[in-house]
PDB file of N, CA and C in Angstrom:
ATOM      1  N   MET A   1     -43.670  14.931 -89.942  1.00  0.00           N
ATOM      2  CA  MET A   1     -42.651  15.581 -88.938  1.00  0.00           C
ATOM      3  C   MET A   1     -41.224  14.768 -89.034  1.00  0.00           C
ATOM      4  N   ALA A   2     -40.095  15.664 -89.126  1.00  0.00           N
ATOM      5  CA  ALA A   2     -38.919  15.345 -89.492  1.00  0.00           C
ATOM      6  C   ALA A   2     -38.391  14.591 -88.024  1.00  0.00           C
ATOM      7  N   LYS A   3     -37.484  13.742 -88.486  1.00  0.00           N
ATOM      8  CA  LYS A   3     -36.892  13.050 -87.150  1.00  0.00           C
ATOM      9  C   LYS A   3     -35.297  13.248 -87.582  1.00  0.00           C
ATOM     10  N   ILE A   4     -34.700  13.412 -86.426  1.00  0.00           N
ATOM     11  CA  ILE A   4     -33.097  13.479 -86.409  1.00  0.00           C
ATOM     12  C   ILE A   4     -32.652  12.223 -85.868  1.00  0.00           C
ATOM     13  N   MET A   5     -31.650  11.634 -86.532  1.00  0.00           N
ATOM     14  CA  MET A   5     -30.763  10.415 -86.243  1.00  0.00           C
ATOM     15  C   MET A   5     -29.497  10.834 -85.825  1.00  0.00           C
ATOM     16  N   VAL A   6     -28.827  10.233 -84.658  1.00  0.00           N
ATOM     17  CA  VAL A   6     -27.513  10.438 -84.314  1.00  0.00           C
ATOM     18  C   VAL A   6     -26.930   8.794 -83.994  1.00  0.00           C
ATOM     19  N   ARG A   7     -25.820   8.845 -84.403  1.00  0.00           N
ATOM     20  CA  ARG A   7     -24.915   7.587 -84.003  1.00  0.00           C
ATOM     21  C   ARG A   7     -23.487   8.104 -83.771  1.00  0.00           C
ATOM     22  N   TRP A   8     -22.649   7.276 -83.213  1.00  0.00           N
ATOM     23  CA  TRP A   8     -21.423   7.617 -82.798  1.00  0.00           C
ATOM     24  C   TRP A   8     -20.413   6.539 -82.703  1.00  0.00           C
ATOM     25  N   ARG A   9     -19.108   6.776 -82.964  1.00  0.00           N
ATOM     26  CA  ARG A   9     -18.099   5.820 -82.743  1.00  0.00           C
ATOM     27  C   ARG A   9     -16.945   6.284 -81.888  1.00  0.00           C
ATOM     28  N   ASP A  10     -16.214   5.503 -81.262  1.00  0.00           N
ATOM     29  CA  ASP A  10     -15.379   5.872 -80.277  1.00  0.00           C
ATOM     30  C   ASP A  10     -13.992   5.382 -80.492  1.00  0.00           C
ATOM     31  N   ASP A  11     -13.047   6.287 -80.227  1.00  0.00           N
ATOM     32  CA  ASP A  11     -11.608   5.977 -80.257  1.00  0.00           C
ATOM     33  C   ASP A  11     -11.172   5.483 -81.851  1.00  0.00           C
ATOM     34  N   ALA A  12     -11.758   6.035 -82.821  1.00  0.00           N
ATOM     35  CA  ALA A  12     -11.366   5.621 -84.206  1.00  0.00           C
ATOM     36  C   ALA A  12     -11.790   4.354 -84.490  1.00  0.00           C
ATOM     37  N   ASN A  13     -12.805   3.755 -83.847  1.00  0.00           N
ATOM     38  CA  ASN A  13     -13.389   2.515 -84.167  1.00  0.00           C
ATOM     39  C   ASN A  13     -14.061   2.570 -85.516  1.00  0.00           C
ATOM     40  N   ASN A  14     -14.002   1.391 -86.258  1.00  0.00           N
ATOM     41  CA  ASN A  14     -14.705   1.398 -87.556  1.00  0.00           C
ATOM     42  C   ASN A  14     -16.186   1.280 -87.445  1.00  0.00           C
ATOM     43  N   GLN A  15     -16.592   0.623 -86.275  1.00  0.00           N
ATOM     44  CA  GLN A  15     -18.032   0.299 -86.134  1.00  0.00           C
ATOM     45  C   GLN A  15     -18.760   1.513 -85.420  1.00  0.00           C
ATOM     46  N   TRP A  16     -20.005   1.794 -86.118  1.00  0.00           N
ATOM     47  CA  TRP A  16     -20.842   2.905 -85.358  1.00  0.00           C
ATOM     48  C   TRP A  16     -21.668   2.158 -84.346  1.00  0.00           C
ATOM     49  N   GLN A  17     -22.088   2.891 -83.324  1.00  0.00           N
ATOM     50  CA  GLN A  17     -23.080   2.453 -82.538  1.00  0.00           C
ATOM     51  C   GLN A  17     -24.346   2.500 -83.066  1.00  0.00           C
ATOM     52  N   ASP A  18     -25.350   1.826 -82.556  1.00  0.00           N
ATOM     53  CA  ASP A  18     -26.817   1.813 -82.931  1.00  0.00           C
ATOM     54  C   ASP A  18     -27.293   3.171 -83.074  1.00  0.00           C
ATOM     55  N   GLU A  19     -27.916   3.429 -84.157  1.00  0.00           N
ATOM     56  CA  GLU A  19     -28.607   4.935 -84.320  1.00  0.00           C
ATOM     57  C   GLU A  19     -29.773   5.198 -83.308  1.00  0.00           C
ATOM     58  N   ARG A  20     -29.772   6.490 -82.856  1.00  0.00           N
ATOM     59  CA  ARG A  20     -30.896   6.722 -82.071  1.00  0.00           C
ATOM     60  C   ARG A  20     -31.622   7.881 -82.852  1.00  0.00           C
ATOM     61  N   GLN A  21     -33.133   7.803 -82.625  1.00  0.00           N
ATOM     62  CA  GLN A  21     -33.851   8.844 -83.160  1.00  0.00           C
ATOM     63  C   GLN A  21     -34.770   9.653 -82.288  1.00  0.00           C
ATOM     64  N   GLN A  22     -35.087  10.929 -82.756  1.00  0.00           N
ATOM     65  CA  GLN A  22     -35.942  11.793 -82.072  1.00  0.00           C
ATOM     66  C   GLN A  22     -36.618  12.722 -83.112  1.00  0.00           C
ATOM     67  N   ASP A  23     -38.005  12.952 -82.819  1.00  0.00           N
ATOM     68  CA  ASP A  23     -38.690  13.775 -83.445  1.00  0.00           C
ATOM     69  C   ASP A  23     -38.247  15.182 -83.427  1.00  0.00           C
ATOM     70  N   VAL A  24     -38.178  16.088 -84.380  1.00  0.00           N
ATOM     71  CA  VAL A  24     -37.905  17.533 -84.337  1.00  0.00           C
ATOM     72  C   VAL A  24     -39.300  18.223 -84.406  1.00  0.00           C
ATOM     73  N   GLU A  25     -39.544  18.794 -83.329  1.00  0.00           N
ATOM     74  CA  GLU A  25     -40.933  19.479 -83.214  1.00  0.00           C
ATOM     75  C   GLU A  25     -41.112  20.757 -84.031  1.00  0.00           C
ATOM     76  N   GLY A  26     -40.094  21.520 -84.206  1.00  0.00           N
ATOM     77  CA  GLY A  26     -40.065  22.820 -84.765  1.00  0.00           C
ATOM     78  C   GLY A  26     -38.978  23.503 -84.455  1.00  0.00           C
ATOM     79  N   GLU A  27     -39.051  24.823 -85.053  1.00  0.00           N
ATOM     80  CA  GLU A  27     -37.977  25.754 -84.914  1.00  0.00           C
ATOM     81  C   GLU A  27     -37.485  25.970 -83.392  1.00  0.00           C
ATOM     82  N   LEU A  28     -36.199  26.039 -83.323  1.00  0.00           N
ATOM     83  CA  LEU A  28     -35.420  26.138 -81.961  1.00  0.00           C
ATOM     84  C   LEU A  28     -35.798  25.046 -81.133  1.00  0.00           C
ATOM     85  N   ASP A  29     -36.024  23.742 -81.671  1.00  0.00           N
ATOM     86  CA  ASP A  29     -36.233  22.627 -80.629  1.00  0.00           C
ATOM     87  C   ASP A  29     -34.975  22.204 -79.941  1.00  0.00           C
ATOM     88  N   PHE A  30     -35.026  21.703 -78.831  1.00  0.00           N
ATOM     89  CA  PHE A  30     -34.190  21.103 -78.021  1.00  0.00           C
ATOM     90  C   PHE A  30     -34.170  19.650 -78.307  1.00  0.00           C
ATOM     91  N   ILE A  31     -32.960  19.061 -78.566  1.00  0.00           N
ATOM     92  CA  ILE A  31     -32.941  17.583 -78.617  1.00  0.00           C
ATOM     93  C   ILE A  31     -32.029  17.118 -77.599  1.00  0.00           C
ATOM     94  N   TYR A  32     -32.293  15.868 -77.023  1.00  0.00           N
ATOM     95  CA  TYR A  32     -31.445  15.242 -75.988  1.00  0.00           C
ATOM     96  C   TYR A  32     -31.093  13.727 -76.432  1.00  0.00           C
ATOM     97  N   PHE A  33     -29.919  13.267 -76.409  1.00  0.00           N
ATOM     98  CA  PHE A  33     -29.687  11.956 -76.556  1.00  0.00           C
ATOM     99  C   PHE A  33     -28.709  11.607 -75.316  1.00  0.00           C
ATOM    100  N   GLN A  34     -28.933  10.486 -74.845  1.00  0.00           N
ATOM    101  CA  GLN A  34     -27.985   9.864 -73.902  1.00  0.00           C
ATOM    102  C   GLN A  34     -27.237   8.902 -74.552  1.00  0.00           C
ATOM    103  N   THR A  35     -25.858   9.082 -74.797  1.00  0.00           N
ATOM    104  CA  THR A  35     -25.066   8.171 -75.281  1.00  0.00           C
ATOM    105  C   THR A  35     -23.878   7.798 -74.395  1.00  0.00           C
ATOM    106  N   PRO A  36     -24.030   6.633 -73.578  1.00  0.00           N
ATOM    107  CA  PRO A  36     -23.107   6.319 -72.584  1.00  0.00           C
ATOM    108  C   PRO A  36     -21.971   5.502 -73.198  1.00  0.00           C
ATOM    109  N   GLY A  37     -20.917   5.388 -72.345  1.00  0.00           N
ATOM    110  CA  GLY A  37     -19.736   4.645 -72.739  1.00  0.00           C
ATOM    111  C   GLY A  37     -18.388   5.267 -72.109  1.00  0.00           C
ATOM    112  N   GLN A  38     -17.373   4.492 -72.356  1.00  0.00           N
ATOM    113  CA  GLN A  38     -16.154   5.142 -72.069  1.00  0.00           C
ATOM    114  C   GLN A  38     -15.321   5.368 -73.506  1.00  0.00           C
ATOM    115  N   TYR A  39     -14.646   6.524 -73.447  1.00  0.00           N
ATOM    116  CA  TYR A  39     -13.947   6.735 -74.806  1.00  0.00           C
ATOM    117  C   TYR A  39     -12.837   7.870 -74.424  1.00  0.00           C
ATOM    118  N   ARG A  40     -11.866   7.829 -75.433  1.00  0.00           N
ATOM    119  CA  ARG A  40     -10.896   9.000 -75.330  1.00  0.00           C
ATOM    120  C   ARG A  40     -11.385  10.025 -76.382  1.00  0.00           C
ATOM    121  N   THR A  41     -11.915   9.639 -77.444  1.00  0.00           N
ATOM    122  CA  THR A  41     -12.371  10.373 -78.520  1.00  0.00           C
ATOM    123  C   THR A  41     -13.703   9.992 -79.072  1.00  0.00           C
ATOM    124  N   ARG A  42     -14.493  10.781 -79.362  1.00  0.00           N
ATOM    125  CA  ARG A  42     -15.900  10.222 -79.899  1.00  0.00           C
ATOM    126  C   ARG A  42     -16.289  11.138 -81.297  1.00  0.00           C
ATOM    127  N   GLN A  43     -16.598  10.461 -82.293  1.00  0.00           N
ATOM    128  CA  GLN A  43     -17.112  11.149 -83.558  1.00  0.00           C
ATOM    129  C   GLN A  43     -18.609  10.830 -83.589  1.00  0.00           C
ATOM    130  N   TRP A  44     -19.311  11.945 -83.948  1.00  0.00           N
ATOM    131  CA  TRP A  44     -20.775  11.888 -83.984  1.00  0.00           C
ATOM    132  C   TRP A  44     -21.271  12.179 -85.568  1.00  0.00           C
ATOM    133  N   GLU A  45     -22.293  11.388 -86.031  1.00  0.00           N
ATOM    134  CA  GLU A  45     -22.967  11.614 -87.184  1.00  0.00           C
ATOM    135  C   GLU A  45     -24.452  12.002 -86.925  1.00  0.00           C
ATOM    136  N   PHE A  46     -24.835  13.069 -87.521  1.00  0.00           N
ATOM    137  CA  PHE A  46     -26.334  13.369 -87.283  1.00  0.00           C
ATOM    138  C   PHE A  46     -26.914  13.506 -88.915  1.00  0.00           C
ATOM    139  N   ASN A  47     -28.181  12.987 -88.822  1.00  0.00           N
ATOM    140  CA  ASN A  47     -28.882  12.851 -90.252  1.00  0.00           C
ATOM    141  C   ASN A  47     -30.316  13.210 -89.913  1.00  0.00           C
ATOM    142  N   LEU A  48     -30.883  13.911 -90.786  1.00  0.00           N
ATOM    143  CA  LEU A  48     -32.480  14.324 -90.815  1.00  0.00           C
ATOM    144  C   LEU A  48     -33.352  13.583 -91.852  1.00  0.00           C
ATOM    145  N   THR A  49     -34.397  13.098 -91.588  1.00  0.00           N
ATOM    146  CA  THR A  49     -35.190  12.385 -92.528  1.00  0.00           C
ATOM    147  C   THR A  49     -35.830  13.107 -93.629  1.00  0.00           C
ATOM    148  N   ASP A  50     -36.089  14.413 -93.457  1.00  0.00           N
ATOM    149  CA  ASP A  50     -36.720  15.293 -94.400  1.00  0.00           C
ATOM    150  C   ASP A  50     -35.590  16.624 -94.798  1.00  0.00           C
ATOM    151  N   ALA A  51     -35.985  16.925 -95.788  1.00  0.00           N
ATOM    152  CA  ALA A  51     -35.241  18.256 -96.474  1.00  0.00           C
ATOM    153  C   ALA A  51     -35.624  19.589 -95.813  1.00  0.00           C
ATOM    154  N   VAL A  52     -35.269  19.747 -94.509  1.00  0.00           N
ATOM    155  CA  VAL A  52     -35.672  20.840 -93.786  1.00  0.00           C
ATOM    156  C   VAL A  52     -34.479  21.577 -93.422  1.00  0.00           C
ATOM    157  N   PRO A  53     -34.527  22.929 -93.163  1.00  0.00           N
ATOM    158  CA  PRO A  53     -33.275  23.643 -92.655  1.00  0.00           C
ATOM    159  C   PRO A  53     -33.070  23.232 -91.252  1.00  0.00           C
ATOM    160  N   PHE A  54     -31.696  22.962 -90.970  1.00  0.00           N
ATOM    161  CA  PHE A  54     -31.438  22.560 -89.669  1.00  0.00           C
ATOM    162  C   PHE A  54     -29.885  22.936 -89.361  1.00  0.00           C
ATOM    163  N   THR A  55     -29.715  23.489 -88.140  1.00  0.00           N
ATOM    164  CA  THR A  55     -28.511  23.949 -87.735  1.00  0.00           C
ATOM    165  C   THR A  55     -28.262  23.646 -86.354  1.00  0.00           C
ATOM    166  N   ILE A  56     -27.154  23.046 -85.939  1.00  0.00           N
ATOM    167  CA  ILE A  56     -26.691  22.742 -84.607  1.00  0.00           C
ATOM    168  C   ILE A  56     -26.004  23.944 -84.010  1.00  0.00           C
ATOM    169  N   ILE A  57     -26.655  24.616 -83.039  1.00  0.00           N
ATOM    170  CA  ILE A  57     -26.269  25.867 -82.568  1.00  0.00           C
ATOM    171  C   ILE A  57     -25.254  25.645 -81.396  1.00  0.00           C
ATOM    172  N   ALA A  58     -25.361  24.598 -80.550  1.00  0.00           N
ATOM    173  CA  ALA A  58     -24.570  24.259 -79.386  1.00  0.00           C
ATOM    174  C   ALA A  58     -24.845  22.785 -79.273  1.00  0.00           C
ATOM    175  N   ALA A  59     -23.882  22.299 -78.580  1.00  0.00           N
ATOM    176  CA  ALA A  59     -23.753  20.982 -78.139  1.00  0.00           C
ATOM    177  C   ALA A  59     -23.206  20.996 -76.708  1.00  0.00           C
ATOM    178  N   GLU A  60     -23.763  20.145 -75.794  1.00  0.00           N
ATOM    179  CA  GLU A  60     -23.150  19.914 -74.425  1.00  0.00           C
ATOM    180  C   GLU A  60     -23.178  18.557 -74.120  1.00  0.00           C
ATOM    181  N   GLU A  61     -22.031  18.289 -73.505  1.00  0.00           N
ATOM    182  CA  GLU A  61     -21.869  16.915 -73.065  1.00  0.00           C
ATOM    183  C   GLU A  61     -21.358  16.897 -71.507  1.00  0.00           C
ATOM    184  N   GLU A  62     -21.828  15.841 -70.692  1.00  0.00           N
ATOM    185  CA  GLU A  62     -21.429  15.606 -69.395  1.00  0.00           C
ATOM    186  C   GLU A  62     -20.633  14.433 -69.323  1.00  0.00           C
ATOM    187  N   VAL A  63     -19.591  14.686 -68.692  1.00  0.00           N
ATOM    188  CA  VAL A  63     -18.459  13.621 -68.804  1.00  0.00           C
ATOM    189  C   VAL A  63     -18.071  13.545 -67.186  1.00  0.00           C
ATOM    190  N   THR A  64     -17.535  12.339 -66.947  1.00  0.00           N
ATOM    191  CA  THR A  64     -16.852  12.036 -65.617  1.00  0.00           C
ATOM    192  C   THR A  64     -15.550  11.470 -65.843  1.00  0.00           C
ATOM    193  N   PRO A  65     -14.390  12.351 -65.534  1.00  0.00           N
ATOM    194  CA  PRO A  65     -13.149  11.806 -65.671  1.00  0.00           C
ATOM    195  C   PRO A  65     -12.894  10.623 -64.863  1.00  0.00           C
ATOM    196  N   LEU A  66     -12.218   9.566 -65.346  1.00  0.00           N
ATOM    197  CA  LEU A  66     -11.885   8.318 -64.595  1.00  0.00           C
ATOM    198  C   LEU A  66     -10.722   8.403 -63.746  1.00  0.00           C
ATOM    199  N   GLY A  67      -9.754   9.526 -63.722  1.00  0.00           N
ATOM    200  CA  GLY A  67      -8.709   9.653 -62.890  1.00  0.00           C
ATOM    201  C   GLY A  67      -7.595   8.589 -62.951  1.00  0.00           C
ATOM    202  N   TYR A  68      -7.157   7.971 -64.071  1.00  0.00           N
ATOM    203  CA  TYR A  68      -6.050   7.416 -64.121  1.00  0.00           C
ATOM    204  C   TYR A  68      -5.138   7.674 -65.236  1.00  0.00           C
TER     205      TYR A  68
END
């Protein structure tokens, strides 16, 4: 079974956050990662463990503006 790994870095920082993993169950599988923190910009990196076809169709992020 393939796994997807995600990591991210905020505000053009050189250091990536710890990688998180989740199993990919099959076609049209939904994945969910909780990635907390405060940032102005965020860069994502996704990797798969197996050579299987994979497409990100949509991404959604829930944010709370800080108001300053």
